[in-house]
Amino acid sequence: MTDLLIFGYGNPSRGDDALGPLMLQHLEILKPCHGWHRIELLSDYQLQVEHALDLLNCRLVLFIDASVSCVAPYRFERLQEKRDDSYTSHAMSPAAVLYTYRQLYHCSPPPTYLLSVLGERFELGESLSPSASAHMQRALRLAERVCRQAQLGNGPVYCEQLTQTLDQETGGGDQESERMSRVSDA
């Protein structure tokens, strides 16, 4: 069984849309250093119906994507399965992937969260913007904590605590460190 599947998606050729795949590259470097053997990392340009298969036998799932609408530096939220307009398209939302999982396996998907990182430049050929790079560094700290807790077997409980502790409207600012310190990092 996989303790944690982290799925970073986005187009590396479209500026800040590369945030998900870039975060996975960073976490891939850390995996052997921290002994994160039961953590899987998966990347793609966009979510497809087939990605529902990747969730099988996972205790916890974290999707990472760039966002133009979240408050800086990021938003961390629990996802619920939902059949939406993307269900029949070639690019699906994470909630639609969860819905597909339920349709395939006739059971609830694993606890799943979305880490949306604020980006501002998404044009083809753009490089990562300085602000997106700074947001990514802060989001990486959160992702690393989730990895540590997942390896200890505490991933689902820890993520639920985060959703209750983090201010979903601001997602950061000076209050972020204070809120994060209140969530156990045992």
C-alpha atoms as a PDB file:
ATOM      1  CA  MET A   1       0.000   0.000   0.000  1.00  0.00           C
ATOM      2  CA  THR A   2       1.141   3.521  -0.812  1.00  0.00           C
ATOM      3  CA  ASP A   3       1.086   5.893   2.175  1.00  0.00           C
ATOM      4  CA  LEU A   4       0.820   8.961  -0.042  1.00  0.00           C
ATOM      5  CA  LEU A   5       0.400   9.633  -3.750  1.00  0.00           C
ATOM      6  CA  ILE A   6       1.330  13.162  -4.772  1.00  0.00           C
ATOM      7  CA  PHE A   7       0.103  14.092  -8.217  1.00  0.00           C
ATOM      8  CA  GLY A   8       1.541  17.327  -9.605  1.00  0.00           C
ATOM      9  CA  TYR A   9       0.045  18.435 -12.871  1.00  0.00           C
ATOM     10  CA  GLY A  10       0.566  21.306 -15.267  1.00  0.00           C
ATOM     11  CA  ASN A  11       2.431  22.248 -18.427  1.00  0.00           C
ATOM     12  CA  PRO A  12       6.124  22.992 -17.787  1.00  0.00           C
ATOM     13  CA  SER A  13       6.215  25.080 -20.996  1.00  0.00           C
ATOM     14  CA  ARG A  14       3.569  27.518 -19.789  1.00  0.00           C
ATOM     15  CA  GLY A  15       5.232  29.610 -17.102  1.00  0.00           C
ATOM     16  CA  ASP A  16       3.651  29.248 -13.683  1.00  0.00           C
ATOM     17  CA  ASP A  17       1.588  26.265 -14.865  1.00  0.00           C
ATOM     18  CA  ALA A  18       4.794  24.326 -14.145  1.00  0.00           C
ATOM     19  CA  LEU A  19       4.356  24.710 -10.368  1.00  0.00           C
ATOM     20  CA  GLY A  20       2.945  21.193  -9.820  1.00  0.00           C
ATOM     21  CA  PRO A  21       5.646  19.353 -11.809  1.00  0.00           C
ATOM     22  CA  LEU A  22       8.405  21.558 -10.343  1.00  0.00           C
ATOM     23  CA  MET A  23       7.300  20.776  -6.801  1.00  0.00           C
ATOM     24  CA  LEU A  24       7.430  17.067  -7.624  1.00  0.00           C
ATOM     25  CA  GLN A  25      10.993  17.439  -8.900  1.00  0.00           C
ATOM     26  CA  HIS A  26      11.973  18.925  -5.544  1.00  0.00           C
ATOM     27  CA  LEU A  27      10.195  16.191  -3.590  1.00  0.00           C
ATOM     28  CA  GLU A  28      11.791  13.497  -5.767  1.00  0.00           C
ATOM     29  CA  ILE A  29      15.223  14.727  -4.648  1.00  0.00           C
ATOM     30  CA  LEU A  30      14.149  14.559  -0.997  1.00  0.00           C
ATOM     31  CA  LYS A  31      12.584  11.076  -1.151  1.00  0.00           C
ATOM     32  CA  PRO A  32      15.779   9.026  -0.704  1.00  0.00           C
ATOM     33  CA  CYS A  33      17.221  11.457   1.855  1.00  0.00           C
ATOM     34  CA  HIS A  34      14.181  11.058   4.118  1.00  0.00           C
ATOM     35  CA  GLY A  35      13.372   7.423   3.397  1.00  0.00           C
ATOM     36  CA  TRP A  36       9.994   8.211   1.872  1.00  0.00           C
ATOM     37  CA  HIS A  37       9.752   4.763   0.287  1.00  0.00           C
ATOM     38  CA  ARG A  38       5.969   4.457   0.458  1.00  0.00           C
ATOM     39  CA  ILE A  39       5.356   7.840  -1.139  1.00  0.00           C
ATOM     40  CA  GLU A  40       4.701   7.898  -4.883  1.00  0.00           C
ATOM     41  CA  LEU A  41       5.068  10.940  -7.104  1.00  0.00           C
ATOM     42  CA  LEU A  42       3.187  11.229 -10.385  1.00  0.00           C
ATOM     43  CA  SER A  43       3.149  14.048 -12.908  1.00  0.00           C
ATOM     44  CA  ASP A  44       1.225  14.816 -16.073  1.00  0.00           C
ATOM     45  CA  TYR A  45       0.140  17.809 -18.126  1.00  0.00           C
ATOM     46  CA  GLN A  46      -3.501  17.380 -17.137  1.00  0.00           C
ATOM     47  CA  LEU A  47      -5.764  14.968 -15.304  1.00  0.00           C
ATOM     48  CA  GLN A  48      -7.336  12.183 -17.353  1.00  0.00           C
ATOM     49  CA  VAL A  49      -9.965   9.549 -16.617  1.00  0.00           C
ATOM     50  CA  GLU A  50      -7.194   6.923 -16.382  1.00  0.00           C
ATOM     51  CA  HIS A  51      -5.692   8.696 -13.371  1.00  0.00           C
ATOM     52  CA  ALA A  52      -8.502   7.289 -11.232  1.00  0.00           C
ATOM     53  CA  LEU A  53      -6.635   3.962 -11.488  1.00  0.00           C
ATOM     54  CA  ASP A  54      -3.565   5.535  -9.845  1.00  0.00           C
ATOM     55  CA  LEU A  55      -5.509   6.158  -6.627  1.00  0.00           C
ATOM     56  CA  LEU A  56      -6.078   2.465  -5.942  1.00  0.00           C
ATOM     57  CA  ASN A  57      -4.288   1.201  -2.805  1.00  0.00           C
ATOM     58  CA  CYS A  58      -3.353   4.703  -1.646  1.00  0.00           C
ATOM     59  CA  ARG A  59      -3.981   5.797   1.938  1.00  0.00           C
ATOM     60  CA  LEU A  60      -3.817   9.492   1.057  1.00  0.00           C
ATOM     61  CA  VAL A  61      -3.707  11.558  -2.155  1.00  0.00           C
ATOM     62  CA  LEU A  62      -2.426  15.095  -2.669  1.00  0.00           C
ATOM     63  CA  PHE A  63      -2.983  16.894  -5.964  1.00  0.00           C
ATOM     64  CA  ILE A  64      -0.751  19.916  -6.627  1.00  0.00           C
ATOM     65  CA  ASP A  65      -1.650  22.491  -9.265  1.00  0.00           C
ATOM     66  CA  ALA A  66      -1.084  26.124 -10.166  1.00  0.00           C
ATOM     67  CA  SER A  67      -4.008  28.480  -9.641  1.00  0.00           C
ATOM     68  CA  VAL A  68      -4.862  31.955 -10.857  1.00  0.00           C
ATOM     69  CA  SER A  69      -7.599  32.433  -8.267  1.00  0.00           C
ATOM     70  CA  CYS A  70      -6.351  31.283  -4.867  1.00  0.00           C
ATOM     71  CA  VAL A  71      -5.067  33.748  -2.317  1.00  0.00           C
ATOM     72  CA  ALA A  72      -1.265  33.930  -1.986  1.00  0.00           C
ATOM     73  CA  PRO A  73       0.704  31.837  -1.434  1.00  0.00           C
ATOM     74  CA  TYR A  74      -1.521  28.738  -1.667  1.00  0.00           C
ATOM     75  CA  ARG A  75      -4.768  27.054  -0.717  1.00  0.00           C
ATOM     76  CA  PHE A  76      -4.974  23.622   0.913  1.00  0.00           C
ATOM     77  CA  GLU A  77      -8.364  21.924   0.873  1.00  0.00           C
ATOM     78  CA  ARG A  78     -10.059  18.558   1.221  1.00  0.00           C
ATOM     79  CA  LEU A  79     -11.646  17.309  -1.982  1.00  0.00           C
ATOM     80  CA  GLN A  80     -14.879  15.432  -2.386  1.00  0.00           C
ATOM     81  CA  GLU A  81     -15.857  13.394  -5.387  1.00  0.00           C
ATOM     82  CA  LYS A  82     -18.052  15.271  -7.815  1.00  0.00           C
ATOM     83  CA  ARG A  83     -19.323  14.707 -11.305  1.00  0.00           C
ATOM     84  CA  ASP A  84     -18.758  18.058 -12.977  1.00  0.00           C
ATOM     85  CA  ASP A  85     -18.488  19.420 -16.509  1.00  0.00           C
ATOM     86  CA  SER A  86     -14.959  18.046 -16.815  1.00  0.00           C
ATOM     87  CA  TYR A  87     -16.181  14.466 -16.296  1.00  0.00           C
ATOM     88  CA  THR A  88     -16.581  13.868 -20.042  1.00  0.00           C
ATOM     89  CA  SER A  89     -13.674  15.957 -21.272  1.00  0.00           C
ATOM     90  CA  HIS A  90     -10.064  15.038 -21.890  1.00  0.00           C
ATOM     91  CA  ALA A  91      -8.938  17.289 -18.999  1.00  0.00           C
ATOM     92  CA  MET A  92     -10.612  16.504 -15.692  1.00  0.00           C
ATOM     93  CA  SER A  93     -10.834  18.209 -12.336  1.00  0.00           C
ATOM     94  CA  PRO A  94      -9.477  16.344  -9.292  1.00  0.00           C
ATOM     95  CA  ALA A  95     -13.055  16.007  -7.976  1.00  0.00           C
ATOM     96  CA  ALA A  96     -14.089  14.332 -11.247  1.00  0.00           C
ATOM     97  CA  VAL A  97     -11.161  11.908 -10.934  1.00  0.00           C
ATOM     98  CA  LEU A  98     -12.484  10.980  -7.479  1.00  0.00           C
ATOM     99  CA  TYR A  99     -15.973  10.531  -8.916  1.00  0.00           C
ATOM    100  CA  THR A 100     -14.542   8.215 -11.574  1.00  0.00           C
ATOM    101  CA  TYR A 101     -12.771   6.214  -8.854  1.00  0.00           C
ATOM    102  CA  ARG A 102     -16.103   5.647  -7.093  1.00  0.00           C
ATOM    103  CA  GLN A 103     -17.729   4.595 -10.359  1.00  0.00           C
ATOM    104  CA  LEU A 104     -14.926   2.114 -11.101  1.00  0.00           C
ATOM    105  CA  TYR A 105     -14.451   0.558  -7.667  1.00  0.00           C
ATOM    106  CA  HIS A 106     -17.866   1.149  -6.022  1.00  0.00           C
ATOM    107  CA  CYS A 107     -16.254   2.519  -2.881  1.00  0.00           C
ATOM    108  CA  SER A 108     -15.053   5.827  -1.515  1.00  0.00           C
ATOM    109  CA  PRO A 109     -11.750   7.144  -2.827  1.00  0.00           C
ATOM    110  CA  PRO A 110      -8.902   7.650  -0.363  1.00  0.00           C
ATOM    111  CA  PRO A 111      -8.793  10.944   1.561  1.00  0.00           C
ATOM    112  CA  THR A 112      -7.728  13.472  -1.072  1.00  0.00           C
ATOM    113  CA  TYR A 113      -6.492  17.048  -0.829  1.00  0.00           C
ATOM    114  CA  LEU A 114      -5.641  19.790  -3.292  1.00  0.00           C
ATOM    115  CA  LEU A 115      -2.716  22.151  -2.838  1.00  0.00           C
ATOM    116  CA  SER A 116      -3.315  25.077  -5.207  1.00  0.00           C
ATOM    117  CA  VAL A 117      -0.312  27.381  -5.574  1.00  0.00           C
ATOM    118  CA  LEU A 118      -0.841  30.931  -6.819  1.00  0.00           C
ATOM    119  CA  GLY A 119       0.631  31.725 -10.229  1.00  0.00           C
ATOM    120  CA  GLU A 120       0.332  34.742 -12.479  1.00  0.00           C
ATOM    121  CA  ARG A 121       2.034  33.992 -15.831  1.00  0.00           C
ATOM    122  CA  PHE A 122       0.754  31.112 -17.967  1.00  0.00           C
ATOM    123  CA  GLU A 123       1.798  32.011 -21.499  1.00  0.00           C
ATOM    124  CA  LEU A 124       3.575  29.484 -23.693  1.00  0.00           C
ATOM    125  CA  GLY A 125       7.342  29.871 -23.397  1.00  0.00           C
ATOM    126  CA  GLU A 126       7.214  31.927 -20.182  1.00  0.00           C
ATOM    127  CA  SER A 127       9.518  31.044 -17.323  1.00  0.00           C
ATOM    128  CA  LEU A 128       8.380  30.706 -13.725  1.00  0.00           C
ATOM    129  CA  SER A 129       7.535  34.144 -12.310  1.00  0.00           C
ATOM    130  CA  PRO A 130       9.416  35.364  -9.220  1.00  0.00           C
ATOM    131  CA  SER A 131       6.210  35.521  -7.176  1.00  0.00           C
ATOM    132  CA  ALA A 132       5.216  31.963  -8.167  1.00  0.00           C
ATOM    133  CA  SER A 133       8.684  30.780  -7.185  1.00  0.00           C
ATOM    134  CA  ALA A 134       8.258  32.340  -3.745  1.00  0.00           C
ATOM    135  CA  HIS A 135       4.781  30.813  -3.374  1.00  0.00           C
ATOM    136  CA  MET A 136       6.190  27.441  -4.404  1.00  0.00           C
ATOM    137  CA  GLN A 137       8.831  27.570  -1.662  1.00  0.00           C
ATOM    138  CA  ARG A 138       6.166  28.103   0.977  1.00  0.00           C
ATOM    139  CA  ALA A 139       3.936  25.384  -0.500  1.00  0.00           C
ATOM    140  CA  LEU A 140       6.904  22.993  -0.536  1.00  0.00           C
ATOM    141  CA  ARG A 141       7.281  23.363   3.227  1.00  0.00           C
ATOM    142  CA  LEU A 142       3.683  22.264   3.649  1.00  0.00           C
ATOM    143  CA  ALA A 143       4.104  19.358   1.183  1.00  0.00           C
ATOM    144  CA  GLU A 144       7.247  18.185   3.013  1.00  0.00           C
ATOM    145  CA  ARG A 145       5.323  18.141   6.317  1.00  0.00           C
ATOM    146  CA  VAL A 146       2.576  16.071   4.706  1.00  0.00           C
ATOM    147  CA  CYS A 147       5.230  13.636   3.411  1.00  0.00           C
ATOM    148  CA  ARG A 148       6.813  13.276   6.847  1.00  0.00           C
ATOM    149  CA  GLN A 149       3.458  12.641   8.489  1.00  0.00           C
ATOM    150  CA  ALA A 150       2.391  10.179   5.774  1.00  0.00           C
ATOM    151  CA  GLN A 151       5.600   8.199   6.253  1.00  0.00           C
ATOM    152  CA  LEU A 152       4.791   7.993   9.976  1.00  0.00           C
ATOM    153  CA  GLY A 153       1.287   6.759   9.185  1.00  0.00           C
ATOM    154  CA  ASN A 154      -0.349  10.020  10.312  1.00  0.00           C
ATOM    155  CA  GLY A 155      -1.015  11.534   6.886  1.00  0.00           C
ATOM    156  CA  PRO A 156      -4.834  11.532   6.792  1.00  0.00           C
ATOM    157  CA  VAL A 157      -5.182  12.831  10.360  1.00  0.00           C
ATOM    158  CA  TYR A 158      -2.519  15.487   9.812  1.00  0.00           C
ATOM    159  CA  CYS A 159      -4.152  16.734   6.596  1.00  0.00           C
ATOM    160  CA  GLU A 160      -7.520  16.946   8.292  1.00  0.00           C
ATOM    161  CA  GLN A 161      -5.931  19.021  11.076  1.00  0.00           C
ATOM    162  CA  LEU A 162      -4.397  21.300   8.457  1.00  0.00           C
ATOM    163  CA  THR A 163      -7.728  21.951   6.784  1.00  0.00           C
ATOM    164  CA  GLN A 164      -9.197  22.882  10.161  1.00  0.00           C
ATOM    165  CA  THR A 165      -6.229  25.015  11.215  1.00  0.00           C
ATOM    166  CA  LEU A 166      -5.215  26.878   8.067  1.00  0.00           C
ATOM    167  CA  ASP A 167      -7.254  29.925   7.191  1.00  0.00           C
ATOM    168  CA  GLN A 168      -8.720  28.958   3.830  1.00  0.00           C
ATOM    169  CA  GLU A 169      -9.359  32.551   2.862  1.00  0.00           C
ATOM    170  CA  THR A 170      -5.821  33.857   3.309  1.00  0.00           C
ATOM    171  CA  GLY A 171      -3.769  30.659   2.905  1.00  0.00           C
ATOM    172  CA  GLY A 172      -0.706  32.225   4.411  1.00  0.00           C
ATOM    173  CA  GLY A 173       0.724  35.565   5.290  1.00  0.00           C
ATOM    174  CA  ASP A 174       2.383  36.214   8.623  1.00  0.00           C
ATOM    175  CA  GLN A 175      -0.238  34.068  10.343  1.00  0.00           C
ATOM    176  CA  GLU A 176       0.899  30.950   8.453  1.00  0.00           C
ATOM    177  CA  SER A 177       3.837  30.129  10.725  1.00  0.00           C
ATOM    178  CA  GLU A 178       1.737  30.555  13.850  1.00  0.00           C
ATOM    179  CA  ARG A 179      -1.024  28.300  12.461  1.00  0.00           C
ATOM    180  CA  MET A 180       1.446  25.674  11.269  1.00  0.00           C
ATOM    181  CA  SER A 181       3.119  25.524  14.669  1.00  0.00           C
ATOM    182  CA  ARG A 182      -0.245  24.713  16.258  1.00  0.00           C
ATOM    183  CA  VAL A 183      -0.564  21.600  14.076  1.00  0.00           C
ATOM    184  CA  SER A 184       1.446  18.718  15.487  1.00  0.00           C
ATOM    185  CA  ASP A 185       4.487  17.782  13.414  1.00  0.00           C
ATOM    186  CA  ALA A 186       5.519  14.793  15.559  1.00  0.00           C
END
